């Protein structure tokens, strides 16, 4: 009968094998351009508005947001783009439909 002999694999200094460490680094490369999402309170502080107003605007579909189950999250880059797109210059008014 033969005995089963196991040979320990070479490990990186952090305890993970080189293959698994490569996988983690590869995943990191995919997320390089990713900007994290923030909640309504953090986004409200950035914009200088109450988080309740921000949530109401998201609910009405007037501001870019992400729904993750019952959570509402905001991308800071999307908010910056939204601010640029909705900026009014001198003498400009918000373009709305005809008043009734």
N, C-alpha and C. Protein backbone atom coordinates (compact mmCIF):
# COMPACT_ATOMS: atom_id res chain seq x y z
N UNK A 1 0.84 -1.17 0.00
CA UNK A 1 0.00 0.00 0.00
C UNK A 1 0.89 1.24 0.00
N UNK A 2 0.50 2.23 -0.82
CA UNK A 2 1.29 3.45 -0.90
C UNK A 2 0.74 4.50 0.07
N UNK A 3 1.60 5.32 0.56
CA UNK A 3 1.20 6.42 1.44
C UNK A 3 1.01 7.68 0.60
N UNK A 4 0.03 8.43 0.93
CA UNK A 4 -0.24 9.68 0.23
C UNK A 4 0.64 10.77 0.84
N UNK A 5 1.43 11.39 0.01
CA UNK A 5 2.32 12.45 0.48
C UNK A 5 1.84 13.77 -0.10
N UNK A 6 1.65 14.75 0.76
CA UNK A 6 1.24 16.07 0.28
C UNK A 6 2.42 17.01 0.35
N UNK A 7 2.51 17.83 -0.65
CA UNK A 7 3.59 18.82 -0.71
C UNK A 7 2.95 20.19 -0.52
N UNK A 8 3.42 20.95 0.48
CA UNK A 8 2.82 22.27 0.69
C UNK A 8 3.09 23.19 -0.51
N UNK A 9 2.07 23.96 -0.88
CA UNK A 9 2.25 24.88 -2.00
C UNK A 9 3.04 26.09 -1.54
N UNK A 10 3.69 26.73 -2.51
CA UNK A 10 4.43 27.94 -2.17
C UNK A 10 3.43 29.06 -1.93
N UNK A 11 3.61 29.77 -0.88
CA UNK A 11 2.69 30.84 -0.51
C UNK A 11 3.38 32.20 -0.64
N UNK A 12 2.59 33.20 -0.96
CA UNK A 12 3.11 34.56 -0.97
C UNK A 12 3.28 35.02 0.47
N UNK A 13 3.91 36.12 0.68
CA UNK A 13 4.19 36.60 2.03
C UNK A 13 2.93 36.88 2.82
N UNK A 14 1.80 37.14 2.17
CA UNK A 14 0.56 37.42 2.90
C UNK A 14 -0.25 36.16 3.17
N UNK A 15 0.26 34.99 2.83
CA UNK A 15 -0.41 33.74 3.13
C UNK A 15 -1.27 33.20 2.00
N UNK A 16 -1.49 33.98 0.95
CA UNK A 16 -2.28 33.48 -0.18
C UNK A 16 -1.34 32.89 -1.21
N UNK A 17 -1.85 31.95 -1.97
CA UNK A 17 -1.05 31.39 -3.04
C UNK A 17 -0.87 32.44 -4.13
N UNK A 18 0.12 32.26 -4.95
CA UNK A 18 0.37 33.23 -6.01
C UNK A 18 -0.81 33.31 -6.97
N UNK A 19 -1.44 32.19 -7.26
CA UNK A 19 -2.57 32.18 -8.18
C UNK A 19 -3.73 33.00 -7.62
N UNK A 20 -4.03 32.81 -6.32
CA UNK A 20 -5.16 33.57 -5.77
C UNK A 20 -4.80 35.04 -5.65
N UNK A 21 -3.54 35.37 -5.38
CA UNK A 21 -3.14 36.76 -5.31
C UNK A 21 -3.26 37.42 -6.67
N UNK A 22 -2.92 36.68 -7.73
CA UNK A 22 -3.06 37.19 -9.09
C UNK A 22 -4.52 37.47 -9.40
N UNK A 23 -5.42 36.61 -8.95
CA UNK A 23 -6.84 36.81 -9.17
C UNK A 23 -7.35 38.06 -8.49
N UNK A 24 -6.88 38.32 -7.28
CA UNK A 24 -7.29 39.52 -6.56
C UNK A 24 -6.78 40.75 -7.28
N UNK A 25 -5.55 40.74 -7.73
CA UNK A 25 -5.00 41.89 -8.44
C UNK A 25 -5.73 42.10 -9.76
N UNK A 26 -6.08 41.01 -10.43
CA UNK A 26 -6.82 41.14 -11.68
C UNK A 26 -8.18 41.77 -11.45
N UNK A 27 -8.85 41.39 -10.38
CA UNK A 27 -10.16 41.97 -10.06
C UNK A 27 -10.00 43.45 -9.73
N UNK A 28 -8.91 43.80 -9.06
CA UNK A 28 -8.66 45.21 -8.72
C UNK A 28 -8.49 46.04 -9.98
N UNK A 29 -7.82 45.48 -10.98
CA UNK A 29 -7.62 46.20 -12.23
C UNK A 29 -8.95 46.49 -12.91
N UNK A 30 -9.91 45.57 -12.82
CA UNK A 30 -11.21 45.77 -13.44
C UNK A 30 -11.97 46.91 -12.79
N UNK A 31 -11.77 47.17 -11.49
CA UNK A 31 -12.51 48.17 -10.75
C UNK A 31 -11.76 49.50 -10.69
N UNK A 32 -10.70 49.65 -11.43
CA UNK A 32 -9.88 50.86 -11.36
C UNK A 32 -10.70 52.12 -11.61
N UNK A 33 -11.59 52.13 -12.61
CA UNK A 33 -12.38 53.30 -12.95
C UNK A 33 -13.66 53.44 -12.14
N UNK A 34 -13.87 52.59 -11.18
CA UNK A 34 -15.10 52.56 -10.39
C UNK A 34 -15.06 53.63 -9.32
N UNK A 35 -16.12 54.42 -9.21
CA UNK A 35 -16.21 55.36 -8.10
C UNK A 35 -17.25 54.83 -7.13
N UNK A 36 -16.96 54.88 -5.85
CA UNK A 36 -17.88 54.29 -4.88
C UNK A 36 -19.20 55.05 -4.79
N UNK A 37 -20.22 54.34 -4.37
CA UNK A 37 -21.55 54.93 -4.19
C UNK A 37 -21.67 55.46 -2.77
N UNK A 38 -22.42 56.54 -2.59
CA UNK A 38 -22.63 57.13 -1.27
C UNK A 38 -24.12 57.14 -0.96
N UNK A 39 -24.44 57.19 0.32
CA UNK A 39 -25.85 57.23 0.71
C UNK A 39 -26.39 58.66 0.62
N UNK A 40 -27.67 58.82 0.88
CA UNK A 40 -28.33 60.12 0.71
C UNK A 40 -27.77 61.17 1.67
N UNK A 41 -27.41 60.77 2.88
CA UNK A 41 -26.88 61.75 3.83
C UNK A 41 -25.54 62.30 3.35
N UNK A 42 -24.66 61.42 2.88
CA UNK A 42 -23.35 61.87 2.39
C UNK A 42 -23.51 62.71 1.13
N UNK A 43 -24.39 62.29 0.22
CA UNK A 43 -24.62 63.04 -1.01
C UNK A 43 -25.25 64.39 -0.70
N UNK A 44 -26.16 64.43 0.27
CA UNK A 44 -26.79 65.68 0.67
C UNK A 44 -25.77 66.67 1.23
N UNK A 45 -24.81 66.16 2.00
CA UNK A 45 -23.76 67.03 2.53
C UNK A 45 -22.90 67.58 1.40
N UNK A 46 -22.59 66.74 0.41
CA UNK A 46 -21.79 67.20 -0.72
C UNK A 46 -22.51 68.29 -1.50
N UNK A 47 -23.82 68.14 -1.68
CA UNK A 47 -24.59 69.09 -2.47
C UNK A 47 -25.11 70.27 -1.64
N UNK A 48 -25.08 70.13 -0.33
CA UNK A 48 -25.59 71.20 0.52
C UNK A 48 -27.11 71.24 0.58
N UNK A 49 -27.73 70.07 0.49
CA UNK A 49 -29.19 69.98 0.55
C UNK A 49 -29.57 68.89 1.57
N UNK A 50 -30.78 68.95 2.10
CA UNK A 50 -31.22 67.90 3.03
C UNK A 50 -31.32 66.54 2.31
N UNK A 51 -30.98 65.50 3.03
CA UNK A 51 -31.04 64.16 2.42
C UNK A 51 -32.47 63.79 2.06
N UNK A 52 -33.46 64.34 2.76
CA UNK A 52 -34.85 64.04 2.44
C UNK A 52 -35.24 64.61 1.08
N UNK A 53 -34.74 65.81 0.76
CA UNK A 53 -35.00 66.40 -0.56
C UNK A 53 -34.36 65.54 -1.64
N UNK A 54 -33.15 65.09 -1.38
CA UNK A 54 -32.43 64.27 -2.35
C UNK A 54 -33.17 62.97 -2.62
N UNK A 55 -33.66 62.33 -1.57
CA UNK A 55 -34.43 61.09 -1.75
C UNK A 55 -35.72 61.33 -2.50
N UNK A 56 -36.37 62.47 -2.25
CA UNK A 56 -37.60 62.79 -2.98
C UNK A 56 -37.31 63.01 -4.47
N UNK A 57 -36.19 63.67 -4.78
CA UNK A 57 -35.81 63.87 -6.18
C UNK A 57 -35.48 62.55 -6.86
N UNK A 58 -34.85 61.65 -6.13
CA UNK A 58 -34.54 60.33 -6.69
C UNK A 58 -35.83 59.55 -6.94
N UNK A 59 -36.74 59.62 -5.99
CA UNK A 59 -38.02 58.92 -6.13
C UNK A 59 -38.78 59.42 -7.35
N UNK A 60 -38.68 60.73 -7.62
CA UNK A 60 -39.38 61.32 -8.76
C UNK A 60 -38.61 61.14 -10.07
N UNK A 61 -37.41 60.57 -10.00
CA UNK A 61 -36.61 60.33 -11.20
C UNK A 61 -35.93 61.58 -11.74
N UNK A 62 -35.71 62.57 -10.91
CA UNK A 62 -35.11 63.82 -11.35
C UNK A 62 -33.60 63.91 -11.14
N UNK A 63 -33.05 62.96 -10.43
CA UNK A 63 -31.62 62.98 -10.12
C UNK A 63 -31.08 61.56 -10.29
N UNK A 64 -29.86 61.41 -10.83
CA UNK A 64 -29.34 60.05 -11.04
C UNK A 64 -29.08 59.34 -9.71
N UNK A 65 -29.51 58.10 -9.67
CA UNK A 65 -29.34 57.30 -8.46
C UNK A 65 -29.37 55.81 -8.81
N UNK A 66 -29.03 55.00 -7.84
CA UNK A 66 -29.06 53.54 -8.00
C UNK A 66 -29.92 52.97 -6.88
N UNK A 67 -30.79 52.06 -7.24
CA UNK A 67 -31.57 51.33 -6.24
C UNK A 67 -30.95 49.95 -6.04
N UNK A 68 -30.57 49.67 -4.83
CA UNK A 68 -30.01 48.37 -4.47
C UNK A 68 -30.94 47.77 -3.42
N UNK A 69 -31.96 47.08 -3.89
CA UNK A 69 -32.99 46.61 -2.96
C UNK A 69 -33.74 47.81 -2.44
N UNK A 70 -33.80 47.96 -1.13
CA UNK A 70 -34.47 49.14 -0.58
C UNK A 70 -33.50 50.29 -0.31
N UNK A 71 -32.23 50.09 -0.62
CA UNK A 71 -31.23 51.14 -0.46
C UNK A 71 -31.18 52.04 -1.69
N UNK A 72 -30.98 53.33 -1.47
CA UNK A 72 -30.79 54.28 -2.56
C UNK A 72 -29.37 54.82 -2.42
N UNK A 73 -28.60 54.72 -3.47
CA UNK A 73 -27.21 55.17 -3.45
C UNK A 73 -26.95 56.09 -4.62
N UNK A 74 -25.96 56.97 -4.45
CA UNK A 74 -25.63 57.97 -5.45
C UNK A 74 -24.17 57.85 -5.83
N UNK A 75 -23.89 58.02 -7.11
CA UNK A 75 -22.53 58.04 -7.63
C UNK A 75 -22.10 59.50 -7.66
N UNK A 76 -20.97 59.81 -7.02
CA UNK A 76 -20.51 61.20 -6.92
C UNK A 76 -20.24 61.79 -8.31
N UNK A 77 -19.69 60.99 -9.21
CA UNK A 77 -19.42 61.48 -10.58
C UNK A 77 -20.72 61.79 -11.31
N UNK A 78 -21.75 60.95 -11.13
CA UNK A 78 -23.05 61.21 -11.75
C UNK A 78 -23.67 62.50 -11.20
N UNK A 79 -23.52 62.73 -9.90
CA UNK A 79 -24.05 63.95 -9.30
C UNK A 79 -23.34 65.19 -9.84
N UNK A 80 -22.01 65.10 -10.00
CA UNK A 80 -21.25 66.22 -10.54
C UNK A 80 -21.68 66.52 -11.97
N UNK A 81 -21.90 65.49 -12.77
CA UNK A 81 -22.36 65.66 -14.15
C UNK A 81 -23.77 66.26 -14.16
N UNK A 82 -24.63 65.79 -13.28
CA UNK A 82 -25.99 66.31 -13.17
C UNK A 82 -25.97 67.79 -12.81
N UNK A 83 -25.08 68.18 -11.89
CA UNK A 83 -24.97 69.60 -11.52
C UNK A 83 -24.54 70.45 -12.71
N UNK A 84 -23.56 69.97 -13.47
CA UNK A 84 -23.11 70.72 -14.65
C UNK A 84 -24.24 70.85 -15.67
N UNK A 85 -24.98 69.77 -15.87
CA UNK A 85 -26.04 69.77 -16.87
C UNK A 85 -27.24 70.64 -16.48
N UNK A 86 -27.47 70.83 -15.20
CA UNK A 86 -28.64 71.59 -14.76
C UNK A 86 -28.27 73.01 -14.33
N UNK A 87 -27.04 73.41 -14.55
CA UNK A 87 -26.60 74.75 -14.15
C UNK A 87 -27.29 75.81 -15.01
N UNK A 88 -27.70 76.88 -14.36
CA UNK A 88 -28.32 78.00 -15.05
C UNK A 88 -27.35 79.17 -15.05
N UNK A 89 -27.20 79.79 -16.18
CA UNK A 89 -26.34 80.96 -16.28
C UNK A 89 -27.11 82.23 -15.97
N UNK A 90 -26.44 83.39 -16.07
CA UNK A 90 -27.12 84.67 -15.81
C UNK A 90 -28.29 84.88 -16.76
N UNK A 91 -29.43 85.24 -16.21
CA UNK A 91 -30.61 85.53 -17.02
C UNK A 91 -31.35 84.31 -17.52
N UNK A 92 -30.83 83.12 -17.26
CA UNK A 92 -31.53 81.91 -17.71
C UNK A 92 -32.55 81.49 -16.67
N UNK A 93 -33.60 80.88 -17.15
CA UNK A 93 -34.61 80.32 -16.26
C UNK A 93 -34.75 78.85 -16.57
N UNK A 94 -35.19 78.13 -15.59
CA UNK A 94 -35.44 76.71 -15.78
C UNK A 94 -36.51 76.56 -16.84
N UNK A 95 -36.24 75.76 -17.84
CA UNK A 95 -37.19 75.58 -18.93
C UNK A 95 -38.25 74.55 -18.54
N UNK A 96 -39.44 75.02 -18.34
CA UNK A 96 -40.56 74.15 -17.98
C UNK A 96 -41.61 74.27 -19.05
N UNK A 97 -42.56 73.44 -18.98
CA UNK A 97 -43.68 73.51 -19.91
C UNK A 97 -44.49 74.77 -19.69
N UNK A 98 -45.45 75.03 -20.54
CA UNK A 98 -46.28 76.24 -20.40
C UNK A 98 -47.05 76.23 -19.08
N UNK A 99 -47.16 77.40 -18.50
CA UNK A 99 -47.91 77.54 -17.25
C UNK A 99 -49.41 77.49 -17.56
N UNK A 100 -50.17 76.90 -16.71
CA UNK A 100 -51.62 76.79 -16.91
C UNK A 100 -52.36 77.53 -15.86
